[in-house]
Amino acid sequence: MNKELSLARNWWSIALRGLTTVLFGLAIFIWPILTIEVLVLLFGAFAFIGGLFSIFASFGAPGKFALILQGIVGVIIGMIAFFWPGITAFVLLVLIAVWAIITGILEIILAFSLNESFSGRCLLAVAGLISVIFGFLLASRPGTGLLVVTWLIGTYAIISGVLLFGLALHLHGIQKTVK
């Protein structure tokens, strides 16, 4: 349970990551006709901020390497999107697919590094699995219409964000019971 208590200390950073992810997904549904450049910049901000929150959540946490690596990948992908906003839709889809697959794999690794008695590890593993599936779906269908892809991205973000926020609330409950 010590690993979970370490992760519970930074529950709020996971909650902010989940909230950021849900807001990203909602923004896509509110403005479905985003230009590719705006989508690139929006995704860049999302990946960059999510990466920073993952790095911060790693302080004193179990699975520190996975969280740091996940954060670094998010920051790098976010910076690539900021510095080359004119990339094509295909490159954007590949960027998002790679990011989702790597993030999902690292979330699954982190979930399995936690104690089996920690009930929140299932939420983290499911969030990771959804990320991996989402990444492979994007990679397998790069020619699909951008509107359909944005809806897929929005749906993924909302589901993933809700799961991460649920994990954060679970961790907050653990932290409150220990105090």
Protein backbone atom coordinates (compact mmCIF):
# COMPACT_ATOMS: atom_id res chain seq x y z
CA MET A 1 0.00 0.00 0.00
CA ASN A 2 3.02 2.35 0.35
CA LYS A 3 3.25 2.73 -3.43
CA GLU A 4 -0.39 3.76 -3.59
CA LEU A 5 0.06 6.26 -0.74
CA SER A 6 2.95 7.84 -2.62
CA LEU A 7 0.78 8.14 -5.72
CA ALA A 8 -2.13 9.41 -3.61
CA ARG A 9 -0.06 12.40 -2.44
CA ASN A 10 -0.20 13.80 -5.96
CA TRP A 11 -3.83 12.86 -6.63
CA TRP A 12 -4.62 16.44 -7.65
CA SER A 13 -2.15 16.34 -10.59
CA ILE A 14 -3.91 13.24 -11.92
CA ALA A 15 -7.26 15.02 -11.41
CA LEU A 16 -6.00 18.04 -13.36
CA ARG A 17 -4.75 15.75 -16.13
CA GLY A 18 -8.18 14.09 -16.27
CA LEU A 19 -9.96 17.46 -16.26
CA THR A 20 -7.65 18.78 -19.00
CA THR A 21 -8.35 15.67 -21.05
CA VAL A 22 -12.14 16.03 -20.68
CA LEU A 23 -11.97 19.75 -21.59
CA PHE A 24 -9.91 18.87 -24.67
CA GLY A 25 -12.55 16.34 -25.73
CA LEU A 26 -15.42 18.75 -25.14
CA ALA A 27 -13.68 21.50 -27.13
CA ILE A 28 -13.54 19.17 -30.14
CA PHE A 29 -17.31 18.58 -29.99
CA ILE A 30 -18.09 22.27 -29.41
CA TRP A 31 -16.00 23.38 -32.43
CA PRO A 32 -16.15 20.41 -34.86
CA ILE A 33 -14.90 22.37 -37.89
CA LEU A 34 -11.49 23.15 -36.42
CA THR A 35 -8.79 23.79 -38.95
CA ILE A 36 -5.93 21.34 -38.90
CA GLU A 37 -3.55 24.03 -37.62
CA VAL A 38 -5.80 24.82 -34.65
CA LEU A 39 -6.21 21.11 -33.95
CA VAL A 40 -2.43 20.69 -34.03
CA LEU A 41 -1.95 23.57 -31.57
CA LEU A 42 -4.78 22.35 -29.32
CA PHE A 43 -3.35 18.84 -29.29
CA GLY A 44 0.14 20.26 -28.71
CA ALA A 45 -1.05 22.16 -25.62
CA PHE A 46 -2.91 19.08 -24.38
CA ALA A 47 0.09 16.76 -24.81
CA PHE A 48 2.52 19.30 -23.34
CA ILE A 49 0.38 20.07 -20.25
CA GLY A 50 -0.46 16.39 -19.73
CA GLY A 51 3.25 15.61 -19.96
CA LEU A 52 4.08 18.20 -17.31
CA PHE A 53 1.40 16.82 -14.98
CA SER A 54 2.73 13.28 -15.48
CA ILE A 55 6.25 14.42 -14.61
CA PHE A 56 4.98 16.20 -11.49
CA ALA A 57 2.93 13.15 -10.46
CA SER A 58 6.13 11.07 -10.59
CA PHE A 59 7.67 12.80 -7.58
CA GLY A 60 7.89 10.09 -4.93
CA ALA A 61 5.47 7.85 -6.82
CA PRO A 62 5.78 4.17 -7.69
CA GLY A 63 6.43 3.55 -11.34
CA LYS A 64 8.40 6.78 -11.37
CA PHE A 65 10.24 5.81 -14.58
CA ALA A 66 6.99 5.17 -16.48
CA LEU A 67 5.46 8.47 -15.35
CA ILE A 68 8.60 10.45 -16.19
CA LEU A 69 8.90 8.78 -19.59
CA GLN A 70 5.21 9.37 -20.26
CA GLY A 71 5.67 13.03 -19.30
CA ILE A 72 8.74 13.48 -21.48
CA VAL A 73 6.95 11.93 -24.47
CA GLY A 74 3.99 14.28 -23.93
CA VAL A 75 6.22 17.36 -23.65
CA ILE A 76 8.22 16.41 -26.78
CA ILE A 77 5.11 15.63 -28.84
CA GLY A 78 3.53 18.90 -27.65
CA MET A 79 6.64 20.89 -28.64
CA ILE A 80 6.76 19.24 -32.08
CA ALA A 81 3.13 20.30 -32.62
CA PHE A 82 3.92 23.90 -31.53
CA PHE A 83 7.04 24.35 -33.65
CA TRP A 84 5.61 22.73 -36.84
CA PRO A 85 1.89 23.65 -36.82
CA GLY A 86 1.61 23.40 -40.59
CA ILE A 87 2.05 19.63 -40.64
CA THR A 88 -0.40 17.63 -42.68
CA ALA A 89 -3.42 15.78 -41.32
CA PHE A 90 -1.67 12.48 -41.92
CA VAL A 91 1.36 13.49 -39.85
CA LEU A 92 -0.94 14.78 -37.12
CA LEU A 93 -2.77 11.46 -37.05
CA VAL A 94 0.52 9.56 -36.83
CA LEU A 95 1.72 11.91 -34.06
CA ILE A 96 -1.47 11.40 -32.06
CA ALA A 97 -1.48 7.64 -32.69
CA VAL A 98 2.13 7.24 -31.51
CA TRP A 99 1.48 9.40 -28.46
CA ALA A 100 -1.69 7.46 -27.53
CA ILE A 101 0.00 4.06 -27.93
CA ILE A 102 3.07 5.03 -25.88
CA THR A 103 0.98 6.73 -23.18
CA GLY A 104 -1.37 3.75 -23.00
CA ILE A 105 1.44 1.21 -22.72
CA LEU A 106 3.09 3.23 -19.96
CA GLU A 107 -0.22 3.55 -18.07
CA ILE A 108 -0.71 -0.23 -18.29
CA ILE A 109 2.86 -0.80 -17.05
CA LEU A 110 2.24 1.58 -14.15
CA ALA A 111 -1.05 -0.17 -13.30
CA PHE A 112 0.69 -3.54 -13.10
CA SER A 113 3.49 -2.10 -10.96
CA LEU A 114 0.96 -1.19 -8.25
CA ASN A 115 -0.11 -3.65 -5.56
CA GLU A 116 -2.92 -6.01 -6.54
CA SER A 117 -4.89 -4.86 -3.51
CA PHE A 118 -5.05 -1.31 -4.90
CA SER A 119 -8.49 -1.10 -6.49
CA GLY A 120 -7.63 2.00 -8.54
CA ARG A 121 -5.15 0.11 -10.70
CA CYS A 122 -8.00 -1.25 -12.81
CA LEU A 123 -9.04 2.31 -13.79
CA LEU A 124 -5.47 3.11 -14.82
CA ALA A 125 -5.15 -0.12 -16.81
CA VAL A 126 -8.46 0.50 -18.62
CA ALA A 127 -7.42 4.09 -19.42
CA GLY A 128 -4.15 2.72 -20.82
CA LEU A 129 -5.91 0.04 -22.85
CA ILE A 130 -8.29 2.63 -24.33
CA SER A 131 -5.27 4.77 -25.28
CA VAL A 132 -3.57 1.85 -27.03
CA ILE A 133 -6.76 0.85 -28.91
CA PHE A 134 -7.35 4.48 -29.90
CA GLY A 135 -3.77 4.80 -31.18
CA PHE A 136 -4.03 1.65 -33.28
CA LEU A 137 -7.41 2.72 -34.69
CA LEU A 138 -5.91 6.03 -35.81
CA ALA A 139 -2.86 4.34 -37.31
CA SER A 140 -4.97 1.81 -39.20
CA ARG A 141 -7.34 4.39 -40.74
CA PRO A 142 -5.26 7.48 -41.65
CA GLY A 143 -7.40 8.20 -44.69
CA THR A 144 -10.63 8.68 -42.75
CA GLY A 145 -12.27 12.06 -42.80
CA LEU A 146 -10.90 14.63 -40.37
CA LEU A 147 -14.32 15.26 -38.85
CA VAL A 148 -14.74 11.57 -37.98
CA VAL A 149 -11.22 11.52 -36.57
CA THR A 150 -11.89 14.61 -34.45
CA TRP A 151 -15.03 12.97 -33.06
CA LEU A 152 -13.00 9.87 -32.28
CA ILE A 153 -10.35 12.00 -30.58
CA GLY A 154 -13.02 13.87 -28.60
CA THR A 155 -14.72 10.66 -27.48
CA TYR A 156 -11.40 9.11 -26.48
CA ALA A 157 -10.38 12.23 -24.54
CA ILE A 158 -13.64 12.43 -22.60
CA ILE A 159 -13.65 8.73 -21.66
CA SER A 160 -9.95 8.71 -20.78
CA GLY A 161 -10.25 11.94 -18.81
CA VAL A 162 -13.24 10.67 -16.82
CA LEU A 163 -11.33 7.48 -15.96
CA LEU A 164 -8.25 9.45 -14.87
CA PHE A 165 -10.42 11.82 -12.81
CA GLY A 166 -12.09 8.80 -11.20
CA LEU A 167 -8.66 7.42 -10.35
CA ALA A 168 -7.70 10.79 -8.82
CA LEU A 169 -10.84 10.81 -6.65
CA HIS A 170 -10.07 7.26 -5.55
CA LEU A 171 -6.51 8.30 -4.65
CA HIS A 172 -7.82 11.36 -2.81
CA GLY A 173 -10.08 9.07 -0.76
CA ILE A 174 -7.08 6.93 0.13
CA GLN A 175 -5.10 9.98 1.15
CA LYS A 176 -7.94 11.25 3.35
CA THR A 177 -8.29 7.92 5.18
CA VAL A 178 -4.58 7.81 5.97
CA LYS A 179 -4.43 11.31 7.51
